[in-house]
PDB file of N, CA and C in Angstrom:
ATOM      1  N   MET A   1    -113.614  38.409 -73.945  1.00  0.00           N
ATOM      2  CA  MET A   1    -114.048  38.065 -72.605  1.00  0.00           C
ATOM      3  C   MET A   1    -112.874  37.503 -71.812  1.00  0.00           C
ATOM      4  N   SER A   2    -112.856  37.814 -70.579  1.00  0.00           N
ATOM      5  CA  SER A   2    -111.770  37.308 -69.744  1.00  0.00           C
ATOM      6  C   SER A   2    -112.177  35.964 -69.141  1.00  0.00           C
ATOM      7  N   ASP A   3    -111.204  35.121 -68.969  1.00  0.00           N
ATOM      8  CA  ASP A   3    -111.449  33.818 -68.351  1.00  0.00           C
ATOM      9  C   ASP A   3    -111.137  33.909 -66.870  1.00  0.00           C
ATOM     10  N   ALA A   4    -112.038  34.516 -66.133  1.00  0.00           N
ATOM     11  CA  ALA A   4    -111.849  34.659 -64.692  1.00  0.00           C
ATOM     12  C   ALA A   4    -112.078  33.305 -64.016  1.00  0.00           C
ATOM     13  N   PRO A   5    -111.258  32.946 -63.051  1.00  0.00           N
ATOM     14  CA  PRO A   5    -111.387  31.635 -62.413  1.00  0.00           C
ATOM     15  C   PRO A   5    -112.601  31.531 -61.490  1.00  0.00           C
ATOM     16  N   TYR A   6    -113.287  32.630 -61.226  1.00  0.00           N
ATOM     17  CA  TYR A   6    -114.414  32.595 -60.307  1.00  0.00           C
ATOM     18  C   TYR A   6    -115.748  32.524 -61.031  1.00  0.00           C
ATOM     19  N   ARG A   7    -115.773  32.230 -62.299  1.00  0.00           N
ATOM     20  CA  ARG A   7    -117.009  32.164 -63.063  1.00  0.00           C
ATOM     21  C   ARG A   7    -117.544  30.742 -63.049  1.00  0.00           C
ATOM     22  N   PHE A   8    -118.344  30.449 -62.040  1.00  0.00           N
ATOM     23  CA  PHE A   8    -118.950  29.145 -61.899  1.00  0.00           C
ATOM     24  C   PHE A   8    -120.449  29.306 -61.717  1.00  0.00           C
ATOM     25  N   ALA A   9    -121.169  28.284 -62.041  1.00  0.00           N
ATOM     26  CA  ALA A   9    -122.617  28.253 -61.831  1.00  0.00           C
ATOM     27  C   ALA A   9    -122.971  26.885 -61.273  1.00  0.00           C
ATOM     28  N   GLY A  10    -124.191  26.734 -60.862  1.00  0.00           N
ATOM     29  CA  GLY A  10    -124.636  25.461 -60.330  1.00  0.00           C
ATOM     30  C   GLY A  10    -126.107  25.532 -59.996  1.00  0.00           C
ATOM     31  N   TRP A  11    -126.639  24.454 -59.487  1.00  0.00           N
ATOM     32  CA  TRP A  11    -128.015  24.475 -59.015  1.00  0.00           C
ATOM     33  C   TRP A  11    -128.126  23.635 -57.770  1.00  0.00           C
ATOM     34  N   PHE A  12    -129.159  23.904 -57.048  1.00  0.00           N
ATOM     35  CA  PHE A  12    -129.415  23.154 -55.831  1.00  0.00           C
ATOM     36  C   PHE A  12    -130.877  22.759 -55.809  1.00  0.00           C
ATOM     37  N   THR A  13    -131.194  21.771 -55.009  1.00  0.00           N
ATOM     38  CA  THR A  13    -132.563  21.297 -54.901  1.00  0.00           C
ATOM     39  C   THR A  13    -133.093  21.575 -53.506  1.00  0.00           C
ATOM     40  N   LEU A  14    -134.385  21.829 -53.436  1.00  0.00           N
ATOM     41  CA  LEU A  14    -135.075  22.049 -52.181  1.00  0.00           C
ATOM     42  C   LEU A  14    -136.142  20.988 -52.008  1.00  0.00           C
ATOM     43  N   ASP A  15    -136.213  20.410 -50.851  1.00  0.00           N
ATOM     44  CA  ASP A  15    -137.314  19.521 -50.501  1.00  0.00           C
ATOM     45  C   ASP A  15    -138.334  20.377 -49.744  1.00  0.00           C
ATOM     46  N   VAL A  16    -139.390  20.777 -50.430  1.00  0.00           N
ATOM     47  CA  VAL A  16    -140.357  21.718 -49.865  1.00  0.00           C
ATOM     48  C   VAL A  16    -141.101  21.107 -48.681  1.00  0.00           C
ATOM     49  N   ARG A  17    -141.398  19.831 -48.740  1.00  0.00           N
ATOM     50  CA  ARG A  17    -142.096  19.185 -47.617  1.00  0.00           C
ATOM     51  C   ARG A  17    -141.238  19.204 -46.355  1.00  0.00           C
ATOM     52  N   LEU A  18    -139.963  18.915 -46.513  1.00  0.00           N
ATOM     53  CA  LEU A  18    -139.063  18.925 -45.361  1.00  0.00           C
ATOM     54  C   LEU A  18    -138.834  20.340 -44.852  1.00  0.00           C
ATOM     55  N   LEU A  19    -138.744  21.320 -45.759  1.00  0.00           N
ATOM     56  CA  LEU A  19    -138.605  22.712 -45.327  1.00  0.00           C
ATOM     57  C   LEU A  19    -139.842  23.183 -44.566  1.00  0.00           C
ATOM     58  N   ALA A  20    -141.022  22.790 -45.031  1.00  0.00           N
ATOM     59  CA  ALA A  20    -142.250  23.164 -44.314  1.00  0.00           C
ATOM     60  C   ALA A  20    -142.285  22.523 -42.937  1.00  0.00           C
ATOM     61  N   THR A  21    -141.852  21.297 -42.843  1.00  0.00           N
ATOM     62  CA  THR A  21    -141.791  20.627 -41.544  1.00  0.00           C
ATOM     63  C   THR A  21    -140.803  21.326 -40.620  1.00  0.00           C
ATOM     64  N   LEU A  22    -139.662  21.727 -41.146  1.00  0.00           N
ATOM     65  CA  LEU A  22    -138.672  22.438 -40.339  1.00  0.00           C
ATOM     66  C   LEU A  22    -139.184  23.801 -39.886  1.00  0.00           C
ATOM     67  N   VAL A  23    -139.945  24.487 -40.732  1.00  0.00           N
ATOM     68  CA  VAL A  23    -140.514  25.779 -40.345  1.00  0.00           C
ATOM     69  C   VAL A  23    -141.522  25.595 -39.214  1.00  0.00           C
ATOM     70  N   VAL A  24    -142.383  24.597 -39.323  1.00  0.00           N
ATOM     71  CA  VAL A  24    -143.365  24.334 -38.263  1.00  0.00           C
ATOM     72  C   VAL A  24    -142.665  23.919 -36.973  1.00  0.00           C
ATOM     73  N   PHE A  25    -141.637  23.075 -37.085  1.00  0.00           N
ATOM     74  CA  PHE A  25    -140.891  22.650 -35.904  1.00  0.00           C
ATOM     75  C   PHE A  25    -140.207  23.829 -35.223  1.00  0.00           C
ATOM     76  N   ALA A  26    -139.571  24.688 -36.019  1.00  0.00           N
ATOM     77  CA  ALA A  26    -138.872  25.842 -35.446  1.00  0.00           C
ATOM     78  C   ALA A  26    -139.850  26.818 -34.809  1.00  0.00           C
ATOM     79  N   ALA A  27    -140.997  27.035 -35.443  1.00  0.00           N
ATOM     80  CA  ALA A  27    -142.000  27.938 -34.874  1.00  0.00           C
ATOM     81  C   ALA A  27    -142.557  27.371 -33.568  1.00  0.00           C
ATOM     82  N   ALA A  28    -142.835  26.085 -33.542  1.00  0.00           N
ATOM     83  CA  ALA A  28    -143.354  25.464 -32.322  1.00  0.00           C
ATOM     84  C   ALA A  28    -142.326  25.514 -31.195  1.00  0.00           C
ATOM     85  N   LEU A  29    -141.079  25.263 -31.515  1.00  0.00           N
ATOM     86  CA  LEU A  29    -140.024  25.321 -30.505  1.00  0.00           C
ATOM     87  C   LEU A  29    -139.845  26.734 -29.969  1.00  0.00           C
ATOM     88  N   ALA A  30    -139.916  27.730 -30.857  1.00  0.00           N
ATOM     89  CA  ALA A  30    -139.783  29.120 -30.427  1.00  0.00           C
ATOM     90  C   ALA A  30    -140.947  29.543 -29.547  1.00  0.00           C
ATOM     91  N   VAL A  31    -142.160  29.158 -29.919  1.00  0.00           N
ATOM     92  CA  VAL A  31    -143.331  29.504 -29.105  1.00  0.00           C
ATOM     93  C   VAL A  31    -143.268  28.797 -27.754  1.00  0.00           C
ATOM     94  N   LEU A  32    -142.849  27.547 -27.738  1.00  0.00           N
ATOM     95  CA  LEU A  32    -142.737  26.818 -26.473  1.00  0.00           C
ATOM     96  C   LEU A  32    -141.701  27.459 -25.559  1.00  0.00           C
ATOM     97  N   ALA A  33    -140.549  27.803 -26.101  1.00  0.00           N
ATOM     98  CA  ALA A  33    -139.512  28.437 -25.280  1.00  0.00           C
ATOM     99  C   ALA A  33    -139.973  29.791 -24.761  1.00  0.00           C
ATOM    100  N   MET A  34    -140.686  30.539 -25.596  1.00  0.00           N
ATOM    101  CA  MET A  34    -141.200  31.830 -25.146  1.00  0.00           C
ATOM    102  C   MET A  34    -142.264  31.669 -24.069  1.00  0.00           C
ATOM    103  N   ALA A  35    -143.113  30.681 -24.215  1.00  0.00           N
ATOM    104  CA  ALA A  35    -144.167  30.470 -23.233  1.00  0.00           C
ATOM    105  C   ALA A  35    -143.595  30.058 -21.877  1.00  0.00           C
ATOM    106  N   LEU A  36    -142.493  29.326 -21.912  1.00  0.00           N
ATOM    107  CA  LEU A  36    -141.900  28.875 -20.654  1.00  0.00           C
ATOM    108  C   LEU A  36    -141.041  29.942 -19.985  1.00  0.00           C
ATOM    109  N   ARG A  37    -140.408  30.820 -20.771  1.00  0.00           N
ATOM    110  CA  ARG A  37    -139.448  31.761 -20.207  1.00  0.00           C
ATOM    111  C   ARG A  37    -139.936  33.196 -20.118  1.00  0.00           C
ATOM    112  N   LEU A  38    -140.681  33.653 -21.092  1.00  0.00           N
ATOM    113  CA  LEU A  38    -141.044  35.066 -21.154  1.00  0.00           C
ATOM    114  C   LEU A  38    -142.483  35.270 -20.702  1.00  0.00           C
ATOM    115  N   LYS A  39    -142.626  35.813 -19.541  1.00  0.00           N
ATOM    116  CA  LYS A  39    -143.949  36.150 -19.026  1.00  0.00           C
ATOM    117  C   LYS A  39    -143.908  37.591 -18.549  1.00  0.00           C
ATOM    118  N   ASP A  40    -145.005  38.297 -18.754  1.00  0.00           N
ATOM    119  CA  ASP A  40    -145.135  39.688 -18.328  1.00  0.00           C
ATOM    120  C   ASP A  40    -144.053  40.575 -18.934  1.00  0.00           C
ATOM    121  N   ARG A  41    -143.831  40.414 -20.226  1.00  0.00           N
ATOM    122  CA  ARG A  41    -142.881  41.265 -20.946  1.00  0.00           C
ATOM    123  C   ARG A  41    -143.646  42.051 -22.003  1.00  0.00           C
ATOM    124  N   ARG A  42    -142.989  43.038 -22.582  1.00  0.00           N
ATOM    125  CA  ARG A  42    -143.599  43.823 -23.644  1.00  0.00           C
ATOM    126  C   ARG A  42    -143.652  43.020 -24.939  1.00  0.00           C
ATOM    127  N   TRP A  43    -144.565  43.406 -25.824  1.00  0.00           N
ATOM    128  CA  TRP A  43    -144.740  42.643 -27.055  1.00  0.00           C
ATOM    129  C   TRP A  43    -143.530  42.760 -27.969  1.00  0.00           C
ATOM    130  N   GLU A  44    -142.776  43.858 -27.881  1.00  0.00           N
ATOM    131  CA  GLU A  44    -141.576  43.987 -28.705  1.00  0.00           C
ATOM    132  C   GLU A  44    -140.538  42.930 -28.327  1.00  0.00           C
ATOM    133  N   GLU A  45    -140.432  42.661 -27.054  1.00  0.00           N
ATOM    134  CA  GLU A  45    -139.503  41.628 -26.602  1.00  0.00           C
ATOM    135  C   GLU A  45    -139.956  40.246 -27.058  1.00  0.00           C
ATOM    136  N   HIS A  46    -141.254  40.031 -27.099  1.00  0.00           N
ATOM    137  CA  HIS A  46    -141.782  38.751 -27.586  1.00  0.00           C
ATOM    138  C   HIS A  46    -141.466  38.566 -29.067  1.00  0.00           C
ATOM    139  N   VAL A  47    -141.625  39.622 -29.852  1.00  0.00           N
ATOM    140  CA  VAL A  47    -141.360  39.527 -31.287  1.00  0.00           C
ATOM    141  C   VAL A  47    -139.886  39.279 -31.551  1.00  0.00           C
ATOM    142  N   VAL A  48    -139.030  40.027 -30.878  1.00  0.00           N
ATOM    143  CA  VAL A  48    -137.590  39.867 -31.081  1.00  0.00           C
ATOM    144  C   VAL A  48    -137.130  38.485 -30.623  1.00  0.00           C
ATOM    145  N   SER A  49    -137.603  38.053 -29.490  1.00  0.00           N
ATOM    146  CA  SER A  49    -137.186  36.734 -29.005  1.00  0.00           C
ATOM    147  C   SER A  49    -137.738  35.617 -29.888  1.00  0.00           C
ATOM    148  N   PHE A  50    -138.960  35.778 -30.401  1.00  0.00           N
ATOM    149  CA  PHE A  50    -139.494  34.758 -31.311  1.00  0.00           C
ATOM    150  C   PHE A  50    -138.645  34.668 -32.573  1.00  0.00           C
ATOM    151  N   MET A  51    -138.314  35.804 -33.162  1.00  0.00           N
ATOM    152  CA  MET A  51    -137.520  35.784 -34.385  1.00  0.00           C
ATOM    153  C   MET A  51    -136.132  35.191 -34.136  1.00  0.00           C
ATOM    154  N   ALA A  52    -135.528  35.528 -33.010  1.00  0.00           N
ATOM    155  CA  ALA A  52    -134.205  34.982 -32.698  1.00  0.00           C
ATOM    156  C   ALA A  52    -134.269  33.475 -32.472  1.00  0.00           C
ATOM    157  N   LEU A  53    -135.223  33.036 -31.670  1.00  0.00           N
ATOM    158  CA  LEU A  53    -135.349  31.604 -31.406  1.00  0.00           C
ATOM    159  C   LEU A  53    -135.746  30.828 -32.654  1.00  0.00           C
ATOM    160  N   PHE A  54    -136.643  31.394 -33.444  1.00  0.00           N
ATOM    161  CA  PHE A  54    -137.061  30.738 -34.685  1.00  0.00           C
ATOM    162  C   PHE A  54    -135.882  30.591 -35.639  1.00  0.00           C
ATOM    163  N   THR A  55    -135.114  31.650 -35.811  1.00  0.00           N
ATOM    164  CA  THR A  55    -133.979  31.609 -36.731  1.00  0.00           C
ATOM    165  C   THR A  55    -132.932  30.608 -36.272  1.00  0.00           C
ATOM    166  N   LEU A  56    -132.597  30.647 -35.004  1.00  0.00           N
ATOM    167  CA  LEU A  56    -131.593  29.713 -34.489  1.00  0.00           C
ATOM    168  C   LEU A  56    -132.057  28.266 -34.598  1.00  0.00           C
ATOM    169  N   SER A  57    -133.290  27.994 -34.206  1.00  0.00           N
ATOM    170  CA  SER A  57    -133.768  26.612 -34.255  1.00  0.00           C
ATOM    171  C   SER A  57    -133.962  26.138 -35.690  1.00  0.00           C
ATOM    172  N   PHE A  58    -134.376  27.034 -36.602  1.00  0.00           N
ATOM    173  CA  PHE A  58    -134.536  26.633 -38.001  1.00  0.00           C
ATOM    174  C   PHE A  58    -133.197  26.266 -38.617  1.00  0.00           C
ATOM    175  N   PHE A  59    -132.189  27.112 -38.440  1.00  0.00           N
ATOM    176  CA  PHE A  59    -130.889  26.821 -39.036  1.00  0.00           C
ATOM    177  C   PHE A  59    -130.203  25.630 -38.368  1.00  0.00           C
ATOM    178  N   ALA A  60    -130.425  25.448 -37.079  1.00  0.00           N
ATOM    179  CA  ALA A  60    -129.870  24.263 -36.414  1.00  0.00           C
ATOM    180  C   ALA A  60    -130.539  22.994 -36.934  1.00  0.00           C
ATOM    181  N   ALA A  61    -131.853  23.024 -37.082  1.00  0.00           N
ATOM    182  CA  ALA A  61    -132.563  21.856 -37.611  1.00  0.00           C
ATOM    183  C   ALA A  61    -132.196  21.606 -39.071  1.00  0.00           C
ATOM    184  N   LEU A  62    -132.032  22.668 -39.848  1.00  0.00           N
ATOM    185  CA  LEU A  62    -131.625  22.510 -41.248  1.00  0.00           C
ATOM    186  C   LEU A  62    -130.227  21.914 -41.347  1.00  0.00           C
ATOM    187  N   ALA A  63    -129.318  22.382 -40.508  1.00  0.00           N
ATOM    188  CA  ALA A  63    -127.956  21.840 -40.515  1.00  0.00           C
ATOM    189  C   ALA A  63    -127.944  20.376 -40.083  1.00  0.00           C
ATOM    190  N   LEU A  64    -128.702  20.045 -39.053  1.00  0.00           N
ATOM    191  CA  LEU A  64    -128.768  18.646 -38.618  1.00  0.00           C
ATOM    192  C   LEU A  64    -129.411  17.765 -39.676  1.00  0.00           C
ATOM    193  N   THR A  65    -130.434  18.269 -40.333  1.00  0.00           N
ATOM    194  CA  THR A  65    -131.079  17.495 -41.388  1.00  0.00           C
ATOM    195  C   THR A  65    -130.129  17.258 -42.552  1.00  0.00           C
ATOM    196  N   ASN A  66    -129.404  18.278 -42.951  1.00  0.00           N
ATOM    197  CA  ASN A  66    -128.459  18.110 -44.048  1.00  0.00           C
ATOM    198  C   ASN A  66    -127.293  17.209 -43.668  1.00  0.00           C
ATOM    199  N   TRP A  67    -126.937  17.195 -42.407  1.00  0.00           N
ATOM    200  CA  TRP A  67    -125.812  16.381 -41.952  1.00  0.00           C
ATOM    201  C   TRP A  67    -126.214  14.925 -41.773  1.00  0.00           C
ATOM    202  N   VAL A  68    -127.418  14.680 -41.248  1.00  0.00           N
ATOM    203  CA  VAL A  68    -127.831  13.328 -40.881  1.00  0.00           C
ATOM    204  C   VAL A  68    -128.606  12.631 -42.000  1.00  0.00           C
ATOM    205  N   ALA A  69    -129.498  13.349 -42.676  1.00  0.00           N
ATOM    206  CA  ALA A  69    -130.439  12.717 -43.589  1.00  0.00           C
ATOM    207  C   ALA A  69    -129.780  12.289 -44.892  1.00  0.00           C
ATOM    208  N   GLY A  70    -130.331  11.239 -45.479  1.00  0.00           N
ATOM    209  CA  GLY A  70    -129.884  10.812 -46.791  1.00  0.00           C
ATOM    210  C   GLY A  70    -130.441  11.698 -47.893  1.00  0.00           C
ATOM    211  N   HIS A  71    -131.595  12.316 -47.634  1.00  0.00           N
ATOM    212  CA  HIS A  71    -132.223  13.251 -48.571  1.00  0.00           C
ATOM    213  C   HIS A  71    -132.407  14.574 -47.844  1.00  0.00           C
ATOM    214  N   PRO A  72    -131.398  15.434 -47.845  1.00  0.00           N
ATOM    215  CA  PRO A  72    -131.479  16.678 -47.080  1.00  0.00           C
ATOM    216  C   PRO A  72    -132.461  17.676 -47.698  1.00  0.00           C
ATOM    217  N   ALA A  73    -132.822  18.677 -46.921  1.00  0.00           N
ATOM    218  CA  ALA A  73    -133.770  19.689 -47.375  1.00  0.00           C
ATOM    219  C   ALA A  73    -133.146  20.603 -48.421  1.00  0.00           C
ATOM    220  N   LEU A  74    -131.900  20.906 -48.284  1.00  0.00           N
ATOM    221  CA  LEU A  74    -131.211  21.794 -49.213  1.00  0.00           C
ATOM    222  C   LEU A  74    -129.931  21.101 -49.655  1.00  0.00           C
ATOM    223  N   ARG A  75    -129.813  20.869 -50.962  1.00  0.00           N
ATOM    224  CA  ARG A  75    -128.649  20.131 -51.450  1.00  0.00           C
ATOM    225  C   ARG A  75    -128.134  20.780 -52.722  1.00  0.00           C
ATOM    226  N   ILE A  76    -126.835  20.993 -52.788  1.00  0.00           N
ATOM    227  CA  ILE A  76    -126.216  21.493 -54.010  1.00  0.00           C
ATOM    228  C   ILE A  76    -126.005  20.297 -54.924  1.00  0.00           C
ATOM    229  N   GLU A  77    -126.633  20.363 -56.101  1.00  0.00           N
ATOM    230  CA  GLU A  77    -126.558  19.236 -57.031  1.00  0.00           C
ATOM    231  C   GLU A  77    -125.221  19.191 -57.762  1.00  0.00           C
ATOM    232  N   THR A  78    -124.855  20.283 -58.390  1.00  0.00           N
ATOM    233  CA  THR A  78    -123.623  20.293 -59.142  1.00  0.00           C
ATOM    234  C   THR A  78    -123.124  21.726 -59.301  1.00  0.00           C
ATOM    235  N   ILE A  79    -121.842  21.860 -59.494  1.00  0.00           N
ATOM    236  CA  ILE A  79    -121.210  23.154 -59.774  1.00  0.00           C
ATOM    237  C   ILE A  79    -120.371  22.950 -61.037  1.00  0.00           C
ATOM    238  N   PHE A  80    -120.528  23.849 -61.980  1.00  0.00           N
ATOM    239  CA  PHE A  80    -119.807  23.719 -63.231  1.00  0.00           C
ATOM    240  C   PHE A  80    -119.309  25.084 -63.664  1.00  0.00           C
ATOM    241  N   ALA A  81    -118.269  25.069 -64.468  1.00  0.00           N
ATOM    242  CA  ALA A  81    -117.682  26.306 -64.965  1.00  0.00           C
ATOM    243  C   ALA A  81    -118.542  26.878 -66.085  1.00  0.00           C
ATOM    244  N   ILE A  82    -118.638  28.192 -66.118  1.00  0.00           N
ATOM    245  CA  ILE A  82    -119.360  28.864 -67.198  1.00  0.00           C
ATOM    246  C   ILE A  82    -118.384  29.097 -68.345  1.00  0.00           C
ATOM    247  N   PRO A  83    -118.741  28.677 -69.526  1.00  0.00           N
ATOM    248  CA  PRO A  83    -117.814  28.862 -70.661  1.00  0.00           C
ATOM    249  C   PRO A  83    -117.732  30.321 -71.086  1.00  0.00           C
TER     250      PRO A  83
END
């Protein structure tokens, strides 16, 4: 077997309650923004804009939570070399 320097493993933890809260927050923010801005548009535009707004707000909230919180939603616990 070769000892490649890129052979690492690790695990991370998820806080499911915080992730569920972030999903609800992102969905509510996306629906609110759509309700305020998009009127009299086709349903395809509503779906695309919802997915874009949801994705952006979810990842922004996840990044802020991981940056600010003492117990973030997604945390890498450890990284170790595979023997």
